[in-house]
Protein backbone atom coordinates (compact mmCIF):
# COMPACT_ATOMS: atom_id res chain seq x y z
CA MET A 1 4.84 26.90 -30.59
CA THR A 2 1.89 26.22 -32.92
CA ASP A 3 -0.78 28.32 -34.60
CA PRO A 4 -3.02 30.37 -32.28
CA PHE A 5 -6.01 28.50 -30.87
CA VAL A 6 -9.27 29.11 -32.74
CA ALA A 7 -12.40 27.21 -31.72
CA PRO A 8 -14.54 25.87 -34.60
CA SER A 9 -17.68 27.89 -35.27
CA TRP A 10 -19.79 24.82 -34.49
CA LEU A 11 -18.11 24.22 -31.13
CA GLN A 12 -18.68 27.45 -29.26
CA GLY A 13 -19.95 27.90 -25.72
CA MET A 14 -18.49 27.36 -22.30
CA HIS A 15 -19.26 23.63 -22.05
CA SER A 16 -19.11 22.39 -25.64
CA GLN A 17 -15.33 22.16 -25.81
CA THR A 18 -15.09 20.39 -22.45
CA LEU A 19 -17.72 17.79 -23.32
CA TRP A 20 -16.72 17.22 -26.95
CA SER A 21 -13.06 16.54 -26.13
CA TYR A 22 -14.01 14.11 -23.38
CA LEU A 23 -17.02 12.32 -24.87
CA VAL A 24 -16.78 12.60 -28.67
CA GLN A 25 -13.33 13.49 -29.96
CA GLY A 26 -11.35 10.47 -31.04
CA ALA A 27 -8.43 9.15 -29.04
CA PRO A 28 -6.07 6.26 -29.81
CA SER A 29 -5.51 3.36 -27.42
CA PRO A 30 -1.74 2.94 -27.35
CA SER A 31 -0.30 -0.08 -25.61
CA LEU A 32 1.15 0.88 -22.23
CA ARG A 33 3.36 -1.18 -19.95
CA ARG A 34 2.50 -1.06 -16.25
CA GLU A 35 5.12 -0.84 -13.53
CA ARG A 36 4.25 -0.84 -9.84
CA VAL A 37 6.57 1.10 -7.57
CA THR A 38 6.62 0.94 -3.78
CA THR A 39 6.74 4.39 -2.22
CA PRO A 40 9.06 5.27 0.69
CA ASP A 41 6.14 5.19 3.14
CA GLY A 42 5.14 1.64 2.13
CA ASP A 43 2.29 2.46 -0.25
CA PHE A 44 2.48 2.04 -4.03
CA VAL A 45 1.89 3.94 -7.24
CA ASP A 46 1.44 2.59 -10.75
CA LEU A 47 3.35 3.88 -13.76
CA ASP A 48 2.02 3.28 -17.26
CA TRP A 49 4.86 3.42 -19.80
CA MET A 50 4.86 4.27 -23.47
CA ASP A 51 8.16 2.64 -24.34
CA GLY A 52 10.59 3.91 -26.95
CA PRO A 53 14.32 4.20 -27.61
CA ALA A 54 16.31 4.42 -24.39
CA ASP A 55 17.90 7.71 -25.45
CA ALA A 56 14.64 9.33 -26.58
CA PRO A 57 13.09 12.25 -24.67
CA LEU A 58 10.74 11.24 -21.85
CA VAL A 59 7.43 12.95 -21.06
CA ILE A 60 6.09 12.40 -17.53
CA ALA A 61 2.33 13.00 -17.43
CA LEU A 62 0.11 13.69 -14.40
CA HIS A 63 -3.66 13.24 -14.79
CA GLY A 64 -6.49 15.27 -13.31
CA LEU A 65 -8.92 14.62 -10.47
CA GLU A 66 -10.00 10.96 -10.56
CA GLY A 67 -8.28 10.54 -13.91
CA SER A 68 -5.93 7.85 -15.19
CA SER A 69 -3.93 6.79 -18.23
CA SER A 70 -7.17 5.62 -19.85
CA GLY A 71 -8.57 9.15 -20.09
CA PRO A 72 -8.96 10.47 -23.65
CA TYR A 73 -6.63 13.43 -23.10
CA MET A 74 -3.92 11.08 -21.83
CA ARG A 75 -4.39 8.67 -24.74
CA ARG A 76 -4.17 11.50 -27.26
CA LEU A 77 -0.95 12.73 -25.64
CA MET A 78 0.62 9.28 -25.60
CA GLY A 79 -0.35 8.77 -29.23
CA ARG A 80 1.44 11.95 -30.29
CA ILE A 81 4.46 11.05 -28.15
CA GLN A 82 4.62 7.67 -29.85
CA ALA A 83 4.38 9.30 -33.29
CA ARG A 84 7.43 11.41 -32.45
CA GLY A 85 9.46 8.39 -31.38
CA TRP A 86 9.62 9.69 -27.80
CA ARG A 87 8.86 7.90 -24.54
CA GLY A 88 6.06 8.66 -22.12
CA VAL A 89 4.93 7.61 -18.67
CA VAL A 90 1.75 8.33 -16.73
CA LEU A 91 2.36 8.71 -13.01
CA HIS A 92 -0.93 7.75 -11.39
CA SER A 93 -2.13 9.36 -8.21
CA ARG A 94 -2.66 6.83 -5.45
CA GLY A 95 -5.86 4.88 -5.93
CA CYS A 96 -6.43 6.06 -9.52
CA SER A 97 -4.89 3.19 -11.49
CA GLY A 98 -7.75 0.75 -10.98
CA GLU A 99 -6.67 -0.60 -7.60
CA ASP A 100 -7.10 1.00 -4.22
CA ASN A 101 -3.93 2.11 -2.46
CA ARG A 102 -2.93 0.71 0.92
CA PHE A 103 -3.54 3.66 3.22
CA ALA A 104 -6.55 5.71 4.20
CA GLN A 105 -4.82 8.72 2.68
CA ALA A 106 -4.61 8.77 -1.12
CA TYR A 107 -3.96 12.07 -2.91
CA HIS A 108 -5.02 15.71 -2.97
CA ALA A 109 -4.09 18.93 -4.76
CA GLY A 110 -0.99 19.49 -2.67
CA HIS A 111 0.22 15.89 -2.58
CA VAL A 112 3.68 15.96 -4.18
CA ALA A 113 5.46 13.28 -2.16
CA ASP A 114 5.26 10.72 -4.95
CA ILE A 115 6.59 13.12 -7.59
CA ARG A 116 9.38 14.07 -5.21
CA ALA A 117 10.31 10.47 -4.45
CA LEU A 118 10.04 8.96 -7.94
CA LEU A 119 11.32 11.73 -10.19
CA PRO A 120 15.04 11.04 -9.57
CA THR A 121 14.52 7.42 -10.63
CA LEU A 122 12.76 8.48 -13.85
CA VAL A 123 15.38 10.96 -14.99
CA GLY A 124 18.12 9.10 -16.85
CA ALA A 125 21.52 10.24 -18.02
CA GLY A 126 21.50 12.52 -21.04
CA SER A 127 17.95 12.20 -22.34
CA PRO A 128 15.78 15.29 -21.77
CA VAL A 129 12.81 14.88 -19.46
CA PHE A 130 9.63 16.95 -19.66
CA MET A 131 6.63 17.08 -17.34
CA VAL A 132 2.99 17.83 -18.11
CA GLY A 133 0.04 18.03 -15.75
CA TYR A 134 -3.65 18.26 -16.54
CA SER A 135 -6.06 20.08 -14.22
CA LEU A 136 -5.32 18.87 -10.67
CA GLY A 137 -2.18 17.10 -11.89
CA GLY A 138 -0.86 20.42 -13.14
CA ALA A 139 -1.48 21.98 -9.74
CA GLN A 140 0.53 19.17 -8.15
CA LEU A 141 3.30 19.61 -10.71
CA MET A 142 3.71 23.35 -10.17
CA ARG A 143 3.47 22.90 -6.42
CA PHE A 144 6.38 20.45 -6.55
CA LEU A 145 8.51 22.58 -8.88
CA GLY A 146 7.99 25.63 -6.68
CA GLU A 147 8.19 24.01 -3.26
CA PHE A 148 11.28 21.90 -3.95
CA PRO A 149 13.22 23.71 -6.70
CA ASP A 150 16.56 22.41 -5.40
CA GLU A 151 15.37 18.80 -5.77
CA VAL A 152 14.38 19.03 -9.45
CA PRO A 153 16.93 16.98 -11.42
CA ALA A 154 18.89 18.89 -14.06
CA GLY A 155 17.50 16.56 -16.73
CA VAL A 156 14.03 18.09 -16.32
CA ARG A 157 14.07 20.70 -19.08
CA ALA A 158 10.51 22.06 -19.19
CA ALA A 159 7.00 21.75 -17.78
CA PHE A 160 3.48 22.38 -19.09
CA THR A 161 0.09 22.52 -17.39
CA VAL A 162 -3.37 22.37 -18.95
CA SER A 163 -6.39 23.97 -17.24
CA SER A 164 -4.76 23.76 -13.82
CA PRO A 165 -5.92 25.66 -10.71
CA MET A 166 -3.25 27.59 -8.87
CA THR A 167 -5.93 28.72 -6.39
CA LEU A 168 -8.34 26.03 -5.25
CA GLU A 169 -11.38 27.68 -3.71
CA VAL A 170 -12.42 29.49 -6.91
CA GLY A 171 -13.07 26.31 -8.88
CA SER A 172 -14.64 24.61 -5.90
CA GLU A 173 -17.19 27.42 -5.67
CA SER A 174 -17.80 27.48 -9.42
CA LEU A 175 -18.60 23.76 -9.46
CA LYS A 176 -21.62 24.34 -7.23
CA HIS A 177 -23.56 26.24 -9.86
CA GLY A 178 -25.50 25.60 -13.05
CA PHE A 179 -24.41 22.87 -15.44
CA ASN A 180 -21.15 22.59 -13.50
CA ARG A 181 -23.06 20.44 -11.03
CA ALA A 182 -23.02 17.68 -13.66
CA TYR A 183 -19.21 17.66 -13.53
CA THR A 184 -19.38 17.64 -9.75
CA LEU A 185 -21.59 14.55 -9.74
CA LYS A 186 -19.15 12.76 -12.05
CA PHE A 187 -16.28 13.42 -9.65
CA LEU A 188 -18.34 12.54 -6.58
CA TRP A 189 -19.48 9.23 -8.08
CA THR A 190 -16.02 7.73 -7.60
CA LEU A 191 -14.82 9.90 -4.72
CA ARG A 192 -17.69 8.91 -2.44
CA ALA A 193 -17.33 5.24 -3.37
CA LYS A 194 -13.64 5.33 -2.51
CA ALA A 195 -14.35 7.00 0.83
CA ALA A 196 -16.90 4.30 1.67
CA LEU A 197 -14.35 1.58 0.87
CA LYS A 198 -11.74 3.30 3.00
CA ALA A 199 -14.16 3.44 5.92
CA ARG A 200 -14.58 -0.34 5.84
CA LEU A 201 -10.81 -0.80 5.91
CA PHE A 202 -10.11 2.03 8.35
CA PRO A 203 -13.06 2.27 10.79
CA GLU A 204 -11.55 5.29 12.49
CA HIS A 205 -12.58 7.29 9.42
CA ALA A 206 -16.14 5.96 9.27
CA GLU A 207 -17.74 9.22 10.36
CA CYS A 208 -15.78 11.18 7.76
CA ALA A 209 -16.97 8.71 5.12
CA ARG A 210 -20.59 9.04 6.25
CA ARG A 211 -20.41 12.81 5.90
CA ALA A 212 -18.63 12.47 2.56
CA GLY A 213 -21.40 10.18 1.33
CA ARG A 214 -23.88 13.00 1.88
CA ALA A 215 -21.75 15.59 0.07
CA TRP A 216 -23.25 17.16 -3.02
CA SER A 217 -20.38 19.53 -3.79
CA LEU A 218 -16.62 19.08 -3.99
CA GLU A 219 -16.21 21.62 -1.22
CA ALA A 220 -18.49 19.57 1.04
CA PHE A 221 -16.58 16.40 0.14
CA ASP A 222 -13.26 18.07 0.83
CA ALA A 223 -14.59 19.35 4.15
CA ALA A 224 -15.88 15.90 5.13
CA TRP A 225 -13.06 13.72 3.82
CA THR A 226 -10.07 15.26 2.06
CA ALA A 227 -9.19 17.80 4.72
CA PRO A 228 -9.55 15.76 7.94
CA VAL A 229 -8.18 12.48 6.58
CA HIS A 230 -5.10 14.20 5.13
CA GLY A 231 -4.32 16.24 8.22
CA PHE A 232 -5.78 19.65 7.42
CA ASP A 233 -7.69 21.62 10.03
CA SER A 234 -10.58 22.51 7.72
CA VAL A 235 -11.48 22.79 4.06
CA SER A 236 -10.31 26.40 4.01
CA ASP A 237 -7.02 25.31 5.57
CA TYR A 238 -6.68 22.63 2.89
CA TYR A 239 -7.37 25.04 0.04
CA ALA A 240 -4.90 27.58 1.43
CA ARG A 241 -2.06 25.20 2.29
CA ALA A 242 -2.31 22.88 -0.73
CA ALA A 243 -2.47 25.56 -3.44
CA ALA A 244 0.38 25.89 -5.92
CA GLY A 245 0.00 29.60 -6.60
CA PRO A 246 2.16 30.90 -3.73
CA PHE A 247 5.06 28.76 -4.96
CA LEU A 248 5.15 29.83 -8.61
CA ARG A 249 7.77 32.50 -8.06
CA ASN A 250 10.22 29.81 -6.89
CA VAL A 251 9.89 27.71 -10.08
CA ARG A 252 13.13 27.50 -12.08
CA VAL A 253 12.10 25.08 -14.83
CA PRO A 254 10.68 26.83 -17.93
CA SER A 255 6.95 26.27 -17.49
CA ARG A 256 3.90 27.17 -19.55
CA LEU A 257 0.43 27.37 -18.03
CA LEU A 258 -2.34 26.98 -20.63
CA MET A 259 -5.61 28.51 -19.46
CA ALA A 260 -8.94 29.13 -21.24
CA ARG A 261 -10.96 32.19 -20.30
CA ASP A 262 -14.22 30.23 -20.72
CA ASP A 263 -13.18 27.38 -18.39
CA THR A 264 -15.97 26.98 -15.83
CA ILE A 265 -14.26 24.22 -13.83
CA VAL A 266 -11.05 26.22 -13.39
CA PRO A 267 -12.20 29.82 -13.94
CA PRO A 268 -9.66 32.51 -14.87
CA GLU A 269 -9.64 33.73 -11.28
CA SER A 270 -7.99 30.43 -10.32
CA LEU A 271 -4.72 32.01 -11.47
CA ARG A 272 -4.04 35.35 -9.83
CA GLU A 273 -1.93 38.05 -11.43
CA GLU A 274 0.24 38.46 -8.35
CA GLN A 275 1.08 34.75 -8.40
CA VAL A 276 2.87 35.01 -11.73
CA ALA A 277 4.12 38.60 -11.44
CA GLY A 278 7.43 37.51 -9.92
CA ALA A 279 7.60 34.07 -11.54
CA ALA A 280 10.33 34.56 -14.15
CA ALA A 281 10.28 30.93 -15.34
CA VAL A 282 6.49 30.77 -15.75
CA ASP A 283 4.76 31.70 -19.01
CA VAL A 284 0.96 31.93 -19.16
CA LEU A 285 -0.90 31.30 -22.42
CA TRP A 286 -4.52 32.46 -22.30
CA THR A 287 -7.05 31.44 -24.94
CA GLU A 288 -10.52 32.94 -25.34
CA GLY A 289 -12.09 29.51 -25.81
CA GLY A 290 -11.10 25.95 -25.11
CA GLY A 291 -13.14 25.00 -22.06
CA HIS A 292 -11.61 22.65 -19.50
CA VAL A 293 -8.94 20.41 -21.05
CA GLY A 294 -10.75 20.87 -24.35
CA PHE A 295 -8.88 23.04 -26.85
CA VAL A 296 -10.49 21.49 -29.92
CA CYS A 297 -9.00 23.76 -32.60
CA GLN A 298 -10.32 24.65 -36.05
CA GLY A 299 -8.34 22.60 -38.58
CA ARG A 300 -5.88 21.33 -35.97
CA PRO A 301 -7.22 18.17 -34.27
CA HIS A 302 -4.01 17.78 -32.26
CA TRP A 303 -3.52 21.44 -31.39
CA LEU A 304 -3.30 20.80 -27.64
CA GLU A 305 -0.82 17.93 -27.87
CA ASP A 306 1.29 19.79 -30.44
CA GLU A 307 1.33 22.88 -28.23
CA ILE A 308 2.60 20.80 -25.33
CA LEU A 309 5.24 18.94 -27.31
CA GLY A 310 6.26 22.07 -29.20
CA TRP A 311 6.99 23.80 -25.90
CA PHE A 312 9.11 20.83 -24.91
CA GLU A 313 11.00 20.77 -28.19
CA ALA A 314 11.82 24.46 -27.77
CA HIS A 315 13.39 23.74 -24.37
CA GLY A 316 15.03 20.42 -25.14
CA ASN A 317 18.63 21.54 -24.94
CA PRO A 318 20.48 21.53 -21.62
CA PRO A 319 20.34 24.90 -19.83
CA THR A 320 23.51 26.99 -19.78
CA ARG A 321 25.18 27.12 -16.41
């Protein structure tokens, strides 16, 4: 789609790309229009729209763990979409748009009910629709495309994921070690606060929240909160049943998975060879550097966004039947 990824000589190392893209690299602040949608089960999700011509292509974006439309990677994507004259929309996970959702249950890696329910309403007549997911959002996206291939509207032409785990336990283990613990603490800062709020509203989950408040790893948090509150028998049951990897071979939409070999949050082992061996519609692009949702390229400040949109442009025509 674009030139090969080459990390700048001054931005080498397993964490530099991850931190630079999140903390330092510039990102626009495009104006987004919020729409609140009631879900079939009586909860709600918030959509943040980048408006454009009604017949322009639409990019549906899914953020990562505890992310939102305000994240720098989302703002960079929406800026490039706007520059192309396309439309974009960020589909927030429950509880991630700045307001707590209504139920004790919010979202997890295998939660695809909202994508499944809302996608038909987002796909219009004629205009191509593309889907992109970052990190956990990409895992949710591929899980949906593979678990419910018959429910994907024909207007969805292509999909793209960035630094997304198809196997969950590998990244969870990696986040326990070394500098990765700094990322873990960032995630836990909001996850534990949300669990504590839920416990006040839903006292039946108070003990889960107490244990979650003492968690110092994502695995411990998932064992204390995510798994039991969302109906899994254990954390290992959650990681096994929520993973997208086993469903990749059922995906029919042309999909690219972008993975960096130096990603310490989603290590290379998070995507297993056997998971993509029989997945005819899935293309994997490995880069030697790039970190986690980094991909700051030498001489190409928008390499990541142009790679995503270039993949979409290449698959914009209706598939032959």
